[in-house]
Amino acid sequence: MHYYVYVLKSLRDSIRYVGSGEDYLERLRRHNKGDYRFTKGHRPWELVHTEGFETRPQAVRREKFLKSGQGRAYLDKILRAK
């Protein structure tokens, strides 16, 4: 697996962020450093979920789903169970 969808949760105000990329741990580090405008004001972040994919288009498709209404409901359900 070369591409990942990751879900972050803000420890400050409990909002979620869904993103994708090749190195989710590096992305987490950069979100916590403040490199991204949206996530900068909600630091610190923790990684709460990842999914791996063989191709970037698969990861992007899954990211878009997780940002939809059905995807948010799915995340609510699985993250409650963790």
N, C-alpha and C. Protein backbone atom coordinates (compact mmCIF):
# COMPACT_ATOMS: atom_id res chain seq x y z
N MET A 1 0.85 -1.18 0.00
CA MET A 1 0.00 0.00 0.00
C MET A 1 0.89 1.24 0.00
N HIS A 2 0.56 2.16 -0.89
CA HIS A 2 1.40 3.34 -1.04
C HIS A 2 0.71 4.65 -0.71
N TYR A 3 -0.60 4.64 -0.67
CA TYR A 3 -1.36 5.87 -0.41
C TYR A 3 -2.31 5.61 0.74
N TYR A 4 -2.53 6.65 1.53
CA TYR A 4 -3.35 6.49 2.73
C TYR A 4 -4.39 7.59 2.83
N VAL A 5 -5.49 7.23 3.43
CA VAL A 5 -6.47 8.20 3.90
C VAL A 5 -6.32 8.20 5.41
N TYR A 6 -6.25 9.38 5.98
CA TYR A 6 -6.07 9.46 7.43
C TYR A 6 -7.12 10.39 8.02
N VAL A 7 -7.46 10.11 9.27
CA VAL A 7 -8.42 10.93 9.99
C VAL A 7 -7.74 11.43 11.26
N LEU A 8 -7.78 12.73 11.43
CA LEU A 8 -7.20 13.37 12.61
C LEU A 8 -8.33 13.92 13.48
N LYS A 9 -8.08 13.95 14.77
CA LYS A 9 -9.03 14.56 15.70
C LYS A 9 -8.29 15.63 16.48
N SER A 10 -8.90 16.81 16.56
CA SER A 10 -8.30 17.90 17.31
C SER A 10 -8.47 17.64 18.80
N LEU A 11 -7.37 17.69 19.54
CA LEU A 11 -7.44 17.55 21.00
C LEU A 11 -7.94 18.84 21.64
N ARG A 12 -7.96 19.91 20.88
CA ARG A 12 -8.39 21.21 21.39
C ARG A 12 -9.91 21.34 21.37
N ASP A 13 -10.52 20.97 20.23
CA ASP A 13 -11.97 21.18 20.12
C ASP A 13 -12.72 20.01 19.49
N SER A 14 -12.08 18.86 19.39
CA SER A 14 -12.70 17.59 18.97
C SER A 14 -13.22 17.56 17.53
N ILE A 15 -12.84 18.50 16.69
CA ILE A 15 -13.25 18.39 15.30
C ILE A 15 -12.38 17.36 14.59
N ARG A 16 -12.88 16.87 13.46
CA ARG A 16 -12.14 15.88 12.67
C ARG A 16 -11.64 16.50 11.39
N TYR A 17 -10.54 15.94 10.90
CA TYR A 17 -9.99 16.33 9.62
C TYR A 17 -9.67 15.06 8.85
N VAL A 18 -10.10 14.99 7.59
CA VAL A 18 -9.82 13.84 6.73
C VAL A 18 -8.91 14.30 5.61
N GLY A 19 -7.82 13.56 5.40
CA GLY A 19 -6.88 13.89 4.34
C GLY A 19 -6.32 12.63 3.73
N SER A 20 -5.48 12.80 2.70
CA SER A 20 -4.85 11.64 2.07
C SER A 20 -3.44 12.01 1.65
N GLY A 21 -2.61 10.98 1.50
CA GLY A 21 -1.24 11.21 1.06
C GLY A 21 -0.42 9.93 1.19
N GLU A 22 0.85 10.04 0.88
CA GLU A 22 1.73 8.87 0.91
C GLU A 22 2.29 8.61 2.30
N ASP A 23 2.51 9.63 3.10
CA ASP A 23 3.14 9.48 4.41
C ASP A 23 2.28 10.17 5.46
N TYR A 24 1.35 9.43 6.03
CA TYR A 24 0.40 10.06 6.96
C TYR A 24 1.07 10.52 8.26
N LEU A 25 2.16 9.88 8.67
CA LEU A 25 2.85 10.33 9.88
C LEU A 25 3.53 11.68 9.66
N GLU A 26 4.10 11.88 8.47
CA GLU A 26 4.69 13.17 8.14
C GLU A 26 3.60 14.24 8.04
N ARG A 27 2.46 13.86 7.47
CA ARG A 27 1.35 14.83 7.39
C ARG A 27 0.87 15.21 8.79
N LEU A 28 0.77 14.24 9.70
CA LEU A 28 0.38 14.54 11.09
C LEU A 28 1.37 15.53 11.70
N ARG A 29 2.65 15.28 11.51
CA ARG A 29 3.67 16.17 12.05
C ARG A 29 3.49 17.59 11.51
N ARG A 30 3.23 17.69 10.20
CA ARG A 30 3.07 19.02 9.59
C ARG A 30 1.78 19.71 10.03
N HIS A 31 0.70 18.94 10.22
CA HIS A 31 -0.53 19.53 10.74
C HIS A 31 -0.28 20.09 12.15
N ASN A 32 0.43 19.33 12.97
CA ASN A 32 0.72 19.80 14.33
C ASN A 32 1.72 20.94 14.37
N LYS A 33 2.55 21.05 13.36
CA LYS A 33 3.50 22.16 13.26
C LYS A 33 2.80 23.45 12.85
N GLY A 34 1.66 23.33 12.17
CA GLY A 34 0.92 24.51 11.73
C GLY A 34 1.14 24.86 10.28
N ASP A 35 1.58 23.89 9.48
CA ASP A 35 1.86 24.15 8.07
C ASP A 35 0.61 24.30 7.19
N TYR A 36 -0.54 23.91 7.69
CA TYR A 36 -1.77 23.96 6.88
C TYR A 36 -2.76 24.92 7.52
N ARG A 37 -3.32 25.79 6.71
CA ARG A 37 -4.16 26.88 7.19
C ARG A 37 -5.36 26.42 8.01
N PHE A 38 -6.13 25.46 7.50
CA PHE A 38 -7.33 25.05 8.22
C PHE A 38 -6.99 24.41 9.56
N THR A 39 -6.02 23.53 9.57
CA THR A 39 -5.75 22.77 10.79
C THR A 39 -4.91 23.54 11.81
N LYS A 40 -4.29 24.61 11.39
CA LYS A 40 -3.41 25.38 12.27
C LYS A 40 -4.11 25.85 13.55
N GLY A 41 -5.32 26.32 13.42
CA GLY A 41 -6.04 26.87 14.56
C GLY A 41 -6.68 25.84 15.48
N HIS A 42 -6.53 24.58 15.15
CA HIS A 42 -7.18 23.52 15.95
C HIS A 42 -6.17 22.57 16.57
N ARG A 43 -4.90 22.94 16.60
CA ARG A 43 -3.85 22.08 17.14
C ARG A 43 -3.99 21.92 18.64
N PRO A 44 -3.52 20.81 19.18
CA PRO A 44 -2.82 19.67 18.58
C PRO A 44 -3.80 18.64 18.01
N TRP A 45 -3.27 17.82 17.10
CA TRP A 45 -4.04 16.78 16.43
C TRP A 45 -3.53 15.41 16.84
N GLU A 46 -4.45 14.43 16.85
CA GLU A 46 -4.04 13.04 17.03
C GLU A 46 -4.60 12.22 15.87
N LEU A 47 -3.86 11.21 15.49
CA LEU A 47 -4.27 10.30 14.42
C LEU A 47 -5.26 9.30 15.01
N VAL A 48 -6.47 9.20 14.43
CA VAL A 48 -7.47 8.28 14.97
C VAL A 48 -7.86 7.16 14.02
N HIS A 49 -7.48 7.27 12.73
CA HIS A 49 -7.87 6.24 11.76
C HIS A 49 -7.04 6.38 10.49
N THR A 50 -6.64 5.24 9.91
CA THR A 50 -5.97 5.24 8.61
C THR A 50 -6.50 4.08 7.77
N GLU A 51 -6.46 4.25 6.47
CA GLU A 51 -6.80 3.20 5.52
C GLU A 51 -5.77 3.26 4.40
N GLY A 52 -5.28 2.11 3.95
CA GLY A 52 -4.27 2.07 2.91
C GLY A 52 -4.83 1.66 1.55
N PHE A 53 -4.23 2.20 0.48
CA PHE A 53 -4.67 1.93 -0.89
C PHE A 53 -3.46 1.77 -1.80
N GLU A 54 -3.65 1.04 -2.87
CA GLU A 54 -2.59 0.81 -3.84
C GLU A 54 -2.34 2.02 -4.74
N THR A 55 -3.40 2.78 -5.05
CA THR A 55 -3.24 3.90 -5.97
C THR A 55 -3.78 5.20 -5.36
N ARG A 56 -3.27 6.31 -5.87
CA ARG A 56 -3.72 7.62 -5.39
C ARG A 56 -5.20 7.85 -5.70
N PRO A 57 -5.68 7.53 -6.91
CA PRO A 57 -7.11 7.74 -7.18
C PRO A 57 -8.03 6.97 -6.22
N GLN A 58 -7.63 5.78 -5.82
CA GLN A 58 -8.44 5.03 -4.85
C GLN A 58 -8.49 5.78 -3.52
N ALA A 59 -7.35 6.29 -3.07
CA ALA A 59 -7.30 7.02 -1.81
C ALA A 59 -8.12 8.30 -1.88
N VAL A 60 -8.02 9.02 -2.99
CA VAL A 60 -8.77 10.28 -3.14
C VAL A 60 -10.28 10.00 -3.17
N ARG A 61 -10.68 8.93 -3.84
CA ARG A 61 -12.09 8.55 -3.88
C ARG A 61 -12.61 8.25 -2.47
N ARG A 62 -11.81 7.52 -1.69
CA ARG A 62 -12.21 7.19 -0.32
C ARG A 62 -12.24 8.45 0.55
N GLU A 63 -11.27 9.33 0.37
CA GLU A 63 -11.26 10.59 1.12
C GLU A 63 -12.54 11.39 0.86
N LYS A 64 -12.92 11.48 -0.41
CA LYS A 64 -14.15 12.21 -0.75
C LYS A 64 -15.37 11.56 -0.11
N PHE A 65 -15.41 10.22 -0.09
CA PHE A 65 -16.53 9.54 0.55
C PHE A 65 -16.56 9.86 2.04
N LEU A 66 -15.41 9.81 2.71
CA LEU A 66 -15.38 10.05 4.16
C LEU A 66 -15.75 11.50 4.51
N LYS A 67 -15.67 12.39 3.55
CA LYS A 67 -16.07 13.78 3.77
C LYS A 67 -17.55 14.01 3.46
N SER A 68 -18.22 13.00 2.92
CA SER A 68 -19.65 13.10 2.60
C SER A 68 -20.48 12.81 3.85
N GLY A 69 -21.77 13.01 3.75
CA GLY A 69 -22.66 12.71 4.87
C GLY A 69 -22.60 11.26 5.29
N GLN A 70 -22.65 10.34 4.33
CA GLN A 70 -22.56 8.92 4.65
C GLN A 70 -21.20 8.57 5.24
N GLY A 71 -20.16 9.17 4.72
CA GLY A 71 -18.82 8.92 5.22
C GLY A 71 -18.64 9.42 6.64
N ARG A 72 -19.18 10.59 6.94
CA ARG A 72 -19.10 11.11 8.31
C ARG A 72 -19.85 10.20 9.27
N ALA A 73 -21.00 9.69 8.84
CA ALA A 73 -21.76 8.76 9.69
C ALA A 73 -20.97 7.48 9.92
N TYR A 74 -20.31 6.97 8.87
CA TYR A 74 -19.47 5.79 8.99
C TYR A 74 -18.35 6.03 10.00
N LEU A 75 -17.67 7.18 9.89
CA LEU A 75 -16.60 7.49 10.84
C LEU A 75 -17.12 7.62 12.26
N ASP A 76 -18.28 8.24 12.44
CA ASP A 76 -18.87 8.34 13.76
C ASP A 76 -19.04 6.94 14.36
N LYS A 77 -19.54 6.04 13.55
CA LYS A 77 -19.81 4.68 14.03
C LYS A 77 -18.52 3.94 14.39
N ILE A 78 -17.54 3.95 13.48
CA ILE A 78 -16.34 3.17 13.77
C ILE A 78 -15.45 3.80 14.84
N LEU A 79 -15.46 5.12 14.92
CA LEU A 79 -14.62 5.77 15.94
C LEU A 79 -15.23 5.66 17.33
N ARG A 80 -16.52 5.53 17.42
CA ARG A 80 -17.18 5.27 18.70
C ARG A 80 -16.78 3.90 19.24
N ALA A 81 -16.60 2.95 18.31
CA ALA A 81 -16.29 1.58 18.70
C ALA A 81 -14.84 1.42 19.16
N LYS A 82 -13.97 2.37 18.82
CA LYS A 82 -12.55 2.26 19.19
C LYS A 82 -12.32 2.63 20.63
